[in-house]
């Protein structure tokens, strides 16, 4: 059973996020089951999908939002996520709150 990774980041600007995004694609190629939460207009989405990565068109917009944290928590539980990788402040705050008490 592959390790399941949920990545939350902003992949709108193709060039500035390229190194980070290519690392995520590399994880998928190495056999990890990768899920990416990002804005629905993110420019890297076609690359993720081509690599077999599940893309969720969602990104937290506020740092302390219970609804956004709950959405992330529900996703982690429903998909039995093992690793949560958070790359910016909105993702970090909401992701940490979402993961509280979970084995992630």
PDB file of N, CA and C in Angstrom:
ATOM      1  N   UNK A   1       0.839  -1.177   0.000  1.00  0.00           N
ATOM      2  CA  UNK A   1       0.000   0.000   0.000  1.00  0.00           C
ATOM      3  C   UNK A   1       0.890   1.249   0.000  1.00  0.00           C
ATOM      4  N   UNK A   2       0.685   2.162  -0.967  1.00  0.00           N
ATOM      5  CA  UNK A   2       1.551   3.343  -1.041  1.00  0.00           C
ATOM      6  C   UNK A   2       1.276   4.337   0.091  1.00  0.00           C
ATOM      7  N   UNK A   3       2.285   5.123   0.404  1.00  0.00           N
ATOM      8  CA  UNK A   3       2.140   6.197   1.375  1.00  0.00           C
ATOM      9  C   UNK A   3       1.322   7.304   0.719  1.00  0.00           C
ATOM     10  N   UNK A   4       0.320   7.799   1.448  1.00  0.00           N
ATOM     11  CA  UNK A   4      -0.568   8.839   0.909  1.00  0.00           C
ATOM     12  C   UNK A   4      -0.147  10.202   1.451  1.00  0.00           C
ATOM     13  N   UNK A   5       0.094  11.125   0.531  1.00  0.00           N
ATOM     14  CA  UNK A   5       0.570  12.460   0.879  1.00  0.00           C
ATOM     15  C   UNK A   5      -0.437  13.500   0.398  1.00  0.00           C
ATOM     16  N   UNK A   6      -0.804  14.407   1.285  1.00  0.00           N
ATOM     17  CA  UNK A   6      -1.631  15.545   0.903  1.00  0.00           C
ATOM     18  C   UNK A   6      -0.769  16.798   0.966  1.00  0.00           C
ATOM     19  N   UNK A   7      -0.652  17.479  -0.162  1.00  0.00           N
ATOM     20  CA  UNK A   7       0.122  18.716  -0.263  1.00  0.00           C
ATOM     21  C   UNK A   7      -0.862  19.867  -0.424  1.00  0.00           C
ATOM     22  N   UNK A   8      -0.661  20.930   0.359  1.00  0.00           N
ATOM     23  CA  UNK A   8      -1.485  22.127   0.205  1.00  0.00           C
ATOM     24  C   UNK A   8      -0.546  23.293  -0.076  1.00  0.00           C
ATOM     25  N   UNK A   9      -0.728  23.897  -1.258  1.00  0.00           N
ATOM     26  CA  UNK A   9       0.116  25.023  -1.646  1.00  0.00           C
ATOM     27  C   UNK A   9      -0.545  25.800  -2.781  1.00  0.00           C
ATOM     28  N   UNK A  10       0.020  26.957  -3.072  1.00  0.00           N
ATOM     29  CA  UNK A  10      -0.465  27.824  -4.145  1.00  0.00           C
ATOM     30  C   UNK A  10       0.397  27.579  -5.379  1.00  0.00           C
ATOM     31  N   UNK A  11      -0.174  26.961  -6.388  1.00  0.00           N
ATOM     32  CA  UNK A  11       0.558  26.660  -7.620  1.00  0.00           C
ATOM     33  C   UNK A  11       0.075  27.525  -8.780  1.00  0.00           C
ATOM     34  N   UNK A  12      -0.320  28.762  -8.503  1.00  0.00           N
ATOM     35  CA  UNK A  12      -0.816  29.669  -9.542  1.00  0.00           C
ATOM     36  C   UNK A  12       0.302  30.154 -10.463  1.00  0.00           C
ATOM     37  N   UNK A  13       1.411  30.570  -9.904  1.00  0.00           N
ATOM     38  CA  UNK A  13       2.502  31.116 -10.704  1.00  0.00           C
ATOM     39  C   UNK A  13       3.441  29.996 -11.125  1.00  0.00           C
ATOM     40  N   UNK A  14       3.418  29.644 -12.372  1.00  0.00           N
ATOM     41  CA  UNK A  14       4.141  28.480 -12.889  1.00  0.00           C
ATOM     42  C   UNK A  14       5.634  28.493 -12.566  1.00  0.00           C
ATOM     43  N   UNK A  15       6.310  29.595 -12.825  1.00  0.00           N
ATOM     44  CA  UNK A  15       7.770  29.609 -12.692  1.00  0.00           C
ATOM     45  C   UNK A  15       8.253  29.657 -11.247  1.00  0.00           C
ATOM     46  N   UNK A  16       7.602  30.417 -10.401  1.00  0.00           N
ATOM     47  CA  UNK A  16       8.089  30.531  -9.026  1.00  0.00           C
ATOM     48  C   UNK A  16       7.860  29.259  -8.206  1.00  0.00           C
ATOM     49  N   UNK A  17       6.895  28.430  -8.596  1.00  0.00           N
ATOM     50  CA  UNK A  17       6.615  27.208  -7.835  1.00  0.00           C
ATOM     51  C   UNK A  17       7.167  25.953  -8.510  1.00  0.00           C
ATOM     52  N   UNK A  18       7.818  26.127  -9.628  1.00  0.00           N
ATOM     53  CA  UNK A  18       8.279  24.971 -10.395  1.00  0.00           C
ATOM     54  C   UNK A  18       9.142  24.002  -9.591  1.00  0.00           C
ATOM     55  N   UNK A  19      10.166  24.458  -8.868  1.00  0.00           N
ATOM     56  CA  UNK A  19      10.979  23.485  -8.112  1.00  0.00           C
ATOM     57  C   UNK A  19      10.156  22.671  -7.120  1.00  0.00           C
ATOM     58  N   UNK A  20       9.298  23.366  -6.373  1.00  0.00           N
ATOM     59  CA  UNK A  20       8.450  22.675  -5.397  1.00  0.00           C
ATOM     60  C   UNK A  20       7.511  21.691  -6.084  1.00  0.00           C
ATOM     61  N   UNK A  21       6.865  22.128  -7.145  1.00  0.00           N
ATOM     62  CA  UNK A  21       5.905  21.286  -7.858  1.00  0.00           C
ATOM     63  C   UNK A  21       6.577  20.066  -8.478  1.00  0.00           C
ATOM     64  N   UNK A  22       7.775  20.229  -8.994  1.00  0.00           N
ATOM     65  CA  UNK A  22       8.484  19.099  -9.595  1.00  0.00           C
ATOM     66  C   UNK A  22       8.905  18.069  -8.547  1.00  0.00           C
ATOM     67  N   UNK A  23       9.173  18.518  -7.339  1.00  0.00           N
ATOM     68  CA  UNK A  23       9.452  17.570  -6.243  1.00  0.00           C
ATOM     69  C   UNK A  23       8.200  16.741  -5.967  1.00  0.00           C
ATOM     70  N   UNK A  24       7.040  17.390  -5.947  1.00  0.00           N
ATOM     71  CA  UNK A  24       5.767  16.694  -5.719  1.00  0.00           C
ATOM     72  C   UNK A  24       5.515  15.678  -6.825  1.00  0.00           C
ATOM     73  N   UNK A  25       5.766  16.062  -8.064  1.00  0.00           N
ATOM     74  CA  UNK A  25       5.610  15.139  -9.201  1.00  0.00           C
ATOM     75  C   UNK A  25       6.593  13.980  -9.070  1.00  0.00           C
ATOM     76  N   UNK A  26       7.801  14.258  -8.606  1.00  0.00           N
ATOM     77  CA  UNK A  26       8.789  13.206  -8.385  1.00  0.00           C
ATOM     78  C   UNK A  26       8.338  12.197  -7.341  1.00  0.00           C
ATOM     79  N   UNK A  27       7.672  12.659  -6.299  1.00  0.00           N
ATOM     80  CA  UNK A  27       7.129  11.734  -5.293  1.00  0.00           C
ATOM     81  C   UNK A  27       6.111  10.792  -5.923  1.00  0.00           C
ATOM     82  N   UNK A  28       5.262  11.338  -6.780  1.00  0.00           N
ATOM     83  CA  UNK A  28       4.257  10.503  -7.454  1.00  0.00           C
ATOM     84  C   UNK A  28       4.938   9.464  -8.338  1.00  0.00           C
ATOM     85  N   UNK A  29       5.982   9.857  -9.021  1.00  0.00           N
ATOM     86  CA  UNK A  29       6.706   8.927  -9.890  1.00  0.00           C
ATOM     87  C   UNK A  29       7.406   7.827  -9.093  1.00  0.00           C
ATOM     88  N   UNK A  30       7.747   8.125  -7.845  1.00  0.00           N
ATOM     89  CA  UNK A  30       8.407   7.136  -6.989  1.00  0.00           C
ATOM     90  C   UNK A  30       7.427   6.207  -6.289  1.00  0.00           C
ATOM     91  N   UNK A  31       6.133   6.398  -6.533  1.00  0.00           N
ATOM     92  CA  UNK A  31       5.145   5.468  -6.000  1.00  0.00           C
ATOM     93  C   UNK A  31       4.289   5.992  -4.859  1.00  0.00           C
ATOM     94  N   UNK A  32       4.513   7.226  -4.434  1.00  0.00           N
ATOM     95  CA  UNK A  32       3.652   7.806  -3.411  1.00  0.00           C
ATOM     96  C   UNK A  32       2.309   8.144  -4.035  1.00  0.00           C
ATOM     97  N   UNK A  33       1.251   8.029  -3.266  1.00  0.00           N
ATOM     98  CA  UNK A  33      -0.071   8.456  -3.721  1.00  0.00           C
ATOM     99  C   UNK A  33      -0.227   9.906  -3.297  1.00  0.00           C
ATOM    100  N   UNK A  34      -0.102  10.823  -4.240  1.00  0.00           N
ATOM    101  CA  UNK A  34      -0.076  12.246  -3.934  1.00  0.00           C
ATOM    102  C   UNK A  34      -1.403  12.904  -4.270  1.00  0.00           C
ATOM    103  N   UNK A  35      -1.861  13.748  -3.342  1.00  0.00           N
ATOM    104  CA  UNK A  35      -3.057  14.561  -3.518  1.00  0.00           C
ATOM    105  C   UNK A  35      -2.601  16.007  -3.328  1.00  0.00           C
ATOM    106  N   UNK A  36      -3.037  16.897  -4.201  1.00  0.00           N
ATOM    107  CA  UNK A  36      -2.652  18.301  -4.099  1.00  0.00           C
ATOM    108  C   UNK A  36      -3.902  19.156  -3.974  1.00  0.00           C
ATOM    109  N   UNK A  37      -3.934  19.988  -2.925  1.00  0.00           N
ATOM    110  CA  UNK A  37      -4.976  20.997  -2.781  1.00  0.00           C
ATOM    111  C   UNK A  37      -4.362  22.322  -3.203  1.00  0.00           C
ATOM    112  N   UNK A  38      -4.966  22.949  -4.195  1.00  0.00           N
ATOM    113  CA  UNK A  38      -4.494  24.238  -4.683  1.00  0.00           C
ATOM    114  C   UNK A  38      -5.659  24.989  -5.306  1.00  0.00           C
ATOM    115  N   UNK A  39      -5.424  26.235  -5.657  1.00  0.00           N
ATOM    116  CA  UNK A  39      -6.468  27.037  -6.282  1.00  0.00           C
ATOM    117  C   UNK A  39      -6.883  26.415  -7.620  1.00  0.00           C
ATOM    118  N   UNK A  40      -8.169  26.517  -7.950  1.00  0.00           N
ATOM    119  CA  UNK A  40      -8.659  25.865  -9.165  1.00  0.00           C
ATOM    120  C   UNK A  40      -8.102  26.466 -10.447  1.00  0.00           C
ATOM    121  N   UNK A  41      -7.536  27.669 -10.381  1.00  0.00           N
ATOM    122  CA  UNK A  41      -6.940  28.273 -11.566  1.00  0.00           C
ATOM    123  C   UNK A  41      -5.409  28.142 -11.581  1.00  0.00           C
ATOM    124  N   UNK A  42      -4.879  27.245 -10.765  1.00  0.00           N
ATOM    125  CA  UNK A  42      -3.428  27.057 -10.685  1.00  0.00           C
ATOM    126  C   UNK A  42      -2.866  26.557 -12.012  1.00  0.00           C
ATOM    127  N   UNK A  43      -1.764  27.143 -12.421  1.00  0.00           N
ATOM    128  CA  UNK A  43      -1.181  26.812 -13.721  1.00  0.00           C
ATOM    129  C   UNK A  43      -0.520  25.435 -13.766  1.00  0.00           C
ATOM    130  N   UNK A  44      -0.201  24.861 -12.611  1.00  0.00           N
ATOM    131  CA  UNK A  44       0.476  23.568 -12.585  1.00  0.00           C
ATOM    132  C   UNK A  44      -0.476  22.369 -12.588  1.00  0.00           C
ATOM    133  N   UNK A  45      -1.761  22.602 -12.546  1.00  0.00           N
ATOM    134  CA  UNK A  45      -2.729  21.505 -12.480  1.00  0.00           C
ATOM    135  C   UNK A  45      -2.576  20.504 -13.625  1.00  0.00           C
ATOM    136  N   UNK A  46      -2.426  20.930 -14.879  1.00  0.00           N
ATOM    137  CA  UNK A  46      -2.261  19.931 -15.955  1.00  0.00           C
ATOM    138  C   UNK A  46      -1.038  19.034 -15.752  1.00  0.00           C
ATOM    139  N   UNK A  47       0.046  19.594 -15.244  1.00  0.00           N
ATOM    140  CA  UNK A  47       1.248  18.798 -14.984  1.00  0.00           C
ATOM    141  C   UNK A  47       0.998  17.772 -13.885  1.00  0.00           C
ATOM    142  N   UNK A  48       0.284  18.181 -12.844  1.00  0.00           N
ATOM    143  CA  UNK A  48      -0.042  17.254 -11.759  1.00  0.00           C
ATOM    144  C   UNK A  48      -0.914  16.108 -12.271  1.00  0.00           C
ATOM    145  N   UNK A  49      -1.934  16.448 -13.009  1.00  0.00           N
ATOM    146  CA  UNK A  49      -2.841  15.417 -13.518  1.00  0.00           C
ATOM    147  C   UNK A  49      -2.125  14.459 -14.459  1.00  0.00           C
ATOM    148  N   UNK A  50      -1.235  14.976 -15.286  1.00  0.00           N
ATOM    149  CA  UNK A  50      -0.459  14.133 -16.195  1.00  0.00           C
ATOM    150  C   UNK A  50       0.401  13.133 -15.417  1.00  0.00           C
ATOM    151  N   UNK A  51       0.847  13.536 -14.227  1.00  0.00           N
ATOM    152  CA  UNK A  51       1.673  12.667 -13.382  1.00  0.00           C
ATOM    153  C   UNK A  51       0.825  11.713 -12.539  1.00  0.00           C
ATOM    154  N   UNK A  52      -0.493  11.764 -12.681  1.00  0.00           N
ATOM    155  CA  UNK A  52      -1.364  10.868 -11.927  1.00  0.00           C
ATOM    156  C   UNK A  52      -1.687  11.356 -10.527  1.00  0.00           C
ATOM    157  N   UNK A  53      -1.493  12.619 -10.285  1.00  0.00           N
ATOM    158  CA  UNK A  53      -1.762  13.215  -8.975  1.00  0.00           C
ATOM    159  C   UNK A  53      -3.220  13.658  -8.909  1.00  0.00           C
ATOM    160  N   UNK A  54      -3.857  13.371  -7.794  1.00  0.00           N
ATOM    161  CA  UNK A  54      -5.220  13.828  -7.564  1.00  0.00           C
ATOM    162  C   UNK A  54      -5.176  15.301  -7.192  1.00  0.00           C
ATOM    163  N   UNK A  55      -5.914  16.129  -7.909  1.00  0.00           N
ATOM    164  CA  UNK A  55      -5.936  17.566  -7.642  1.00  0.00           C
ATOM    165  C   UNK A  55      -7.297  17.947  -7.058  1.00  0.00           C
ATOM    166  N   UNK A  56      -7.259  18.638  -5.935  1.00  0.00           N
ATOM    167  CA  UNK A  56      -8.468  19.107  -5.282  1.00  0.00           C
ATOM    168  C   UNK A  56      -8.488  20.622  -5.435  1.00  0.00           C
ATOM    169  N   UNK A  57      -9.466  21.187  -6.121  1.00  0.00           N
ATOM    170  CA  UNK A  57      -9.502  22.631  -6.340  1.00  0.00           C
ATOM    171  C   UNK A  57      -9.952  23.390  -5.087  1.00  0.00           C
ATOM    172  N   UNK A  58      -9.071  23.439  -4.117  1.00  0.00           N
ATOM    173  CA  UNK A  58      -9.345  24.117  -2.850  1.00  0.00           C
ATOM    174  C   UNK A  58      -8.032  24.601  -2.276  1.00  0.00           C
ATOM    175  N   UNK A  59      -8.036  25.789  -1.725  1.00  0.00           N
ATOM    176  CA  UNK A  59      -6.891  26.309  -0.979  1.00  0.00           C
ATOM    177  C   UNK A  59      -7.442  27.238   0.090  1.00  0.00           C
ATOM    178  N   UNK A  60      -7.003  27.098   1.339  1.00  0.00           N
ATOM    179  CA  UNK A  60      -7.501  28.001   2.373  1.00  0.00           C
ATOM    180  C   UNK A  60      -7.124  29.448   2.059  1.00  0.00           C
ATOM    181  N   UNK A  61      -8.049  30.362   2.331  1.00  0.00           N
ATOM    182  CA  UNK A  61      -7.799  31.773   2.042  1.00  0.00           C
ATOM    183  C   UNK A  61      -7.567  32.589   3.303  1.00  0.00           C
ATOM    184  N   UNK A  62      -7.972  32.063   4.451  1.00  0.00           N
ATOM    185  CA  UNK A  62      -7.777  32.754   5.724  1.00  0.00           C
ATOM    186  C   UNK A  62      -6.916  31.868   6.615  1.00  0.00           C
ATOM    187  N   UNK A  63      -6.221  32.499   7.555  1.00  0.00           N
ATOM    188  CA  UNK A  63      -5.356  31.711   8.434  1.00  0.00           C
ATOM    189  C   UNK A  63      -6.143  30.949   9.504  1.00  0.00           C
ATOM    190  N   UNK A  64      -7.173  31.523  10.039  1.00  0.00           N
ATOM    191  CA  UNK A  64      -7.928  30.879  11.105  1.00  0.00           C
ATOM    192  C   UNK A  64      -9.391  30.767  10.703  1.00  0.00           C
ATOM    193  N   UNK A  65      -9.688  29.745   9.935  1.00  0.00           N
ATOM    194  CA  UNK A  65     -11.053  29.556   9.461  1.00  0.00           C
ATOM    195  C   UNK A  65     -11.486  28.131   9.751  1.00  0.00           C
ATOM    196  N   UNK A  66     -12.448  27.983  10.629  1.00  0.00           N
ATOM    197  CA  UNK A  66     -12.910  26.661  11.059  1.00  0.00           C
ATOM    198  C   UNK A  66     -13.452  25.856   9.881  1.00  0.00           C
ATOM    199  N   UNK A  67     -14.177  26.489   8.973  1.00  0.00           N
ATOM    200  CA  UNK A  67     -14.739  25.789   7.819  1.00  0.00           C
ATOM    201  C   UNK A  67     -13.640  25.209   6.944  1.00  0.00           C
ATOM    202  N   UNK A  68     -12.590  25.996   6.705  1.00  0.00           N
ATOM    203  CA  UNK A  68     -11.475  25.534   5.873  1.00  0.00           C
ATOM    204  C   UNK A  68     -10.712  24.408   6.565  1.00  0.00           C
ATOM    205  N   UNK A  69     -10.486  24.552   7.867  1.00  0.00           N
ATOM    206  CA  UNK A  69      -9.813  23.488   8.625  1.00  0.00           C
ATOM    207  C   UNK A  69     -10.634  22.205   8.607  1.00  0.00           C
ATOM    208  N   UNK A  70     -11.938  22.339   8.773  1.00  0.00           N
ATOM    209  CA  UNK A  70     -12.815  21.163   8.756  1.00  0.00           C
ATOM    210  C   UNK A  70     -12.787  20.463   7.392  1.00  0.00           C
ATOM    211  N   UNK A  71     -12.743  21.245   6.319  1.00  0.00           N
ATOM    212  CA  UNK A  71     -12.684  20.666   4.970  1.00  0.00           C
ATOM    213  C   UNK A  71     -11.413  19.826   4.816  1.00  0.00           C
ATOM    214  N   UNK A  72     -10.295  20.374   5.264  1.00  0.00           N
ATOM    215  CA  UNK A  72      -9.020  19.644   5.191  1.00  0.00           C
ATOM    216  C   UNK A  72      -9.076  18.400   6.061  1.00  0.00           C
ATOM    217  N   UNK A  73      -9.578  18.534   7.269  1.00  0.00           N
ATOM    218  CA  UNK A  73      -9.668  17.394   8.196  1.00  0.00           C
ATOM    219  C   UNK A  73     -10.523  16.277   7.597  1.00  0.00           C
ATOM    220  N   UNK A  74     -11.671  16.630   7.050  1.00  0.00           N
ATOM    221  CA  UNK A  74     -12.544  15.627   6.433  1.00  0.00           C
ATOM    222  C   UNK A  74     -11.827  14.909   5.294  1.00  0.00           C
ATOM    223  N   UNK A  75     -11.070  15.656   4.495  1.00  0.00           N
ATOM    224  CA  UNK A  75     -10.348  15.046   3.381  1.00  0.00           C
ATOM    225  C   UNK A  75      -9.276  14.080   3.894  1.00  0.00           C
ATOM    226  N   UNK A  76      -8.549  14.490   4.918  1.00  0.00           N
ATOM    227  CA  UNK A  76      -7.503  13.637   5.496  1.00  0.00           C
ATOM    228  C   UNK A  76      -8.103  12.337   6.019  1.00  0.00           C
ATOM    229  N   UNK A  77      -9.214  12.439   6.702  1.00  0.00           N
ATOM    230  CA  UNK A  77      -9.866  11.248   7.269  1.00  0.00           C
ATOM    231  C   UNK A  77     -10.433  10.356   6.158  1.00  0.00           C
ATOM    232  N   UNK A  78     -11.153  10.936   5.208  1.00  0.00           N
ATOM    233  CA  UNK A  78     -11.795  10.159   4.148  1.00  0.00           C
ATOM    234  C   UNK A  78     -10.793   9.428   3.261  1.00  0.00           C
ATOM    235  N   UNK A  79      -9.621  10.009   3.059  1.00  0.00           N
ATOM    236  CA  UNK A  79      -8.632   9.423   2.154  1.00  0.00           C
ATOM    237  C   UNK A  79      -7.464   8.763   2.893  1.00  0.00           C
ATOM    238  N   UNK A  80      -7.578   8.670   4.213  1.00  0.00           N
ATOM    239  CA  UNK A  80      -6.571   7.982   5.032  1.00  0.00           C
ATOM    240  C   UNK A  80      -5.156   8.496   4.720  1.00  0.00           C
ATOM    241  N   UNK A  81      -4.989   9.817   4.771  1.00  0.00           N
ATOM    242  CA  UNK A  81      -3.719  10.465   4.454  1.00  0.00           C
ATOM    243  C   UNK A  81      -2.685  10.159   5.544  1.00  0.00           C
ATOM    244  N   UNK A  82      -1.462   9.841   5.110  1.00  0.00           N
ATOM    245  CA  UNK A  82      -0.361   9.544   6.030  1.00  0.00           C
ATOM    246  C   UNK A  82       0.503  10.772   6.327  1.00  0.00           C
ATOM    247  N   UNK A  83       0.730  11.595   5.300  1.00  0.00           N
ATOM    248  CA  UNK A  83       1.622  12.754   5.424  1.00  0.00           C
ATOM    249  C   UNK A  83       0.890  13.995   4.930  1.00  0.00           C
ATOM    250  N   UNK A  84       1.005  15.067   5.697  1.00  0.00           N
ATOM    251  CA  UNK A  84       0.422  16.345   5.337  1.00  0.00           C
ATOM    252  C   UNK A  84       1.568  17.330   5.145  1.00  0.00           C
ATOM    253  N   UNK A  85       1.746  17.837   3.919  1.00  0.00           N
ATOM    254  CA  UNK A  85       2.826  18.776   3.604  1.00  0.00           C
ATOM    255  C   UNK A  85       2.211  20.131   3.300  1.00  0.00           C
ATOM    256  N   UNK A  86       2.590  21.136   4.090  1.00  0.00           N
ATOM    257  CA  UNK A  86       1.966  22.453   4.020  1.00  0.00           C
ATOM    258  C   UNK A  86       3.024  23.490   3.653  1.00  0.00           C
ATOM    259  N   UNK A  87       2.778  24.264   2.583  1.00  0.00           N
ATOM    260  CA  UNK A  87       3.822  25.129   2.048  1.00  0.00           C
ATOM    261  C   UNK A  87       3.622  26.626   2.218  1.00  0.00           C
ATOM    262  N   UNK A  88       2.550  27.090   2.813  1.00  0.00           N
ATOM    263  CA  UNK A  88       2.403  28.529   3.038  1.00  0.00           C
ATOM    264  C   UNK A  88       1.610  28.777   4.317  1.00  0.00           C
ATOM    265  N   UNK A  89       1.502  30.029   4.727  1.00  0.00           N
ATOM    266  CA  UNK A  89       0.933  30.318   6.041  1.00  0.00           C
ATOM    267  C   UNK A  89      -0.527  29.896   6.181  1.00  0.00           C
ATOM    268  N   UNK A  90      -1.360  30.149   5.161  1.00  0.00           N
ATOM    269  CA  UNK A  90      -2.763  29.737   5.260  1.00  0.00           C
ATOM    270  C   UNK A  90      -2.875  28.211   5.349  1.00  0.00           C
ATOM    271  N   UNK A  91      -2.093  27.515   4.557  1.00  0.00           N
ATOM    272  CA  UNK A  91      -2.102  26.053   4.579  1.00  0.00           C
ATOM    273  C   UNK A  91      -1.587  25.530   5.916  1.00  0.00           C
ATOM    274  N   UNK A  92      -0.531  26.137   6.424  1.00  0.00           N
ATOM    275  CA  UNK A  92       0.074  25.668   7.666  1.00  0.00           C
ATOM    276  C   UNK A  92      -0.878  25.798   8.854  1.00  0.00           C
ATOM    277  N   UNK A  93      -1.442  26.964   9.035  1.00  0.00           N
ATOM    278  CA  UNK A  93      -2.334  27.186  10.185  1.00  0.00           C
ATOM    279  C   UNK A  93      -3.557  26.275  10.104  1.00  0.00           C
ATOM    280  N   UNK A  94      -4.232  26.257   8.966  1.00  0.00           N
ATOM    281  CA  UNK A  94      -5.436  25.434   8.826  1.00  0.00           C
ATOM    282  C   UNK A  94      -5.113  23.947   8.820  1.00  0.00           C
ATOM    283  N   UNK A  95      -3.992  23.559   8.203  1.00  0.00           N
ATOM    284  CA  UNK A  95      -3.604  22.150   8.169  1.00  0.00           C
ATOM    285  C   UNK A  95      -3.249  21.604   9.538  1.00  0.00           C
ATOM    286  N   UNK A  96      -2.550  22.405  10.342  1.00  0.00           N
ATOM    287  CA  UNK A  96      -2.207  21.969  11.702  1.00  0.00           C
ATOM    288  C   UNK A  96      -3.457  21.801  12.543  1.00  0.00           C
ATOM    289  N   UNK A  97      -4.376  22.743  12.425  1.00  0.00           N
ATOM    290  CA  UNK A  97      -5.630  22.618  13.161  1.00  0.00           C
ATOM    291  C   UNK A  97      -6.424  21.402  12.690  1.00  0.00           C
ATOM    292  N   UNK A  98      -6.403  21.143  11.390  1.00  0.00           N
ATOM    293  CA  UNK A  98      -7.138  20.012  10.828  1.00  0.00           C
ATOM    294  C   UNK A  98      -6.555  18.672  11.284  1.00  0.00           C
ATOM    295  N   UNK A  99      -5.252  18.631  11.462  1.00  0.00           N
ATOM    296  CA  UNK A  99      -4.581  17.371  11.798  1.00  0.00           C
ATOM    297  C   UNK A  99      -4.546  17.062  13.290  1.00  0.00           C
ATOM    298  N   UNK A 100      -4.983  17.980  14.098  1.00  0.00           N
ATOM    299  CA  UNK A 100      -4.928  17.792  15.551  1.00  0.00           C
ATOM    300  C   UNK A 100      -5.619  16.495  15.970  1.00  0.00           C
ATOM    301  N   UNK A 101      -4.862  15.636  16.618  1.00  0.00           N
ATOM    302  CA  UNK A 101      -5.392  14.366  17.112  1.00  0.00           C
ATOM    303  C   UNK A 101      -5.422  13.251  16.096  1.00  0.00           C
ATOM    304  N   UNK A 102      -5.015  13.514  14.869  1.00  0.00           N
ATOM    305  CA  UNK A 102      -5.009  12.488  13.830  1.00  0.00           C
ATOM    306  C   UNK A 102      -3.600  11.916  13.666  1.00  0.00           C
ATOM    307  N   UNK A 103      -3.476  10.675  13.249  1.00  0.00           N
ATOM    308  CA  UNK A 103      -2.143  10.065  13.057  1.00  0.00           C
ATOM    309  C   UNK A 103      -1.538  10.447  11.705  1.00  0.00           C
ATOM    310  N   UNK A 104      -1.414  11.731  11.460  1.00  0.00           N
ATOM    311  CA  UNK A 104      -0.889  12.218  10.183  1.00  0.00           C
ATOM    312  C   UNK A 104       0.333  13.078  10.457  1.00  0.00           C
TER     313      UNK A 104
END
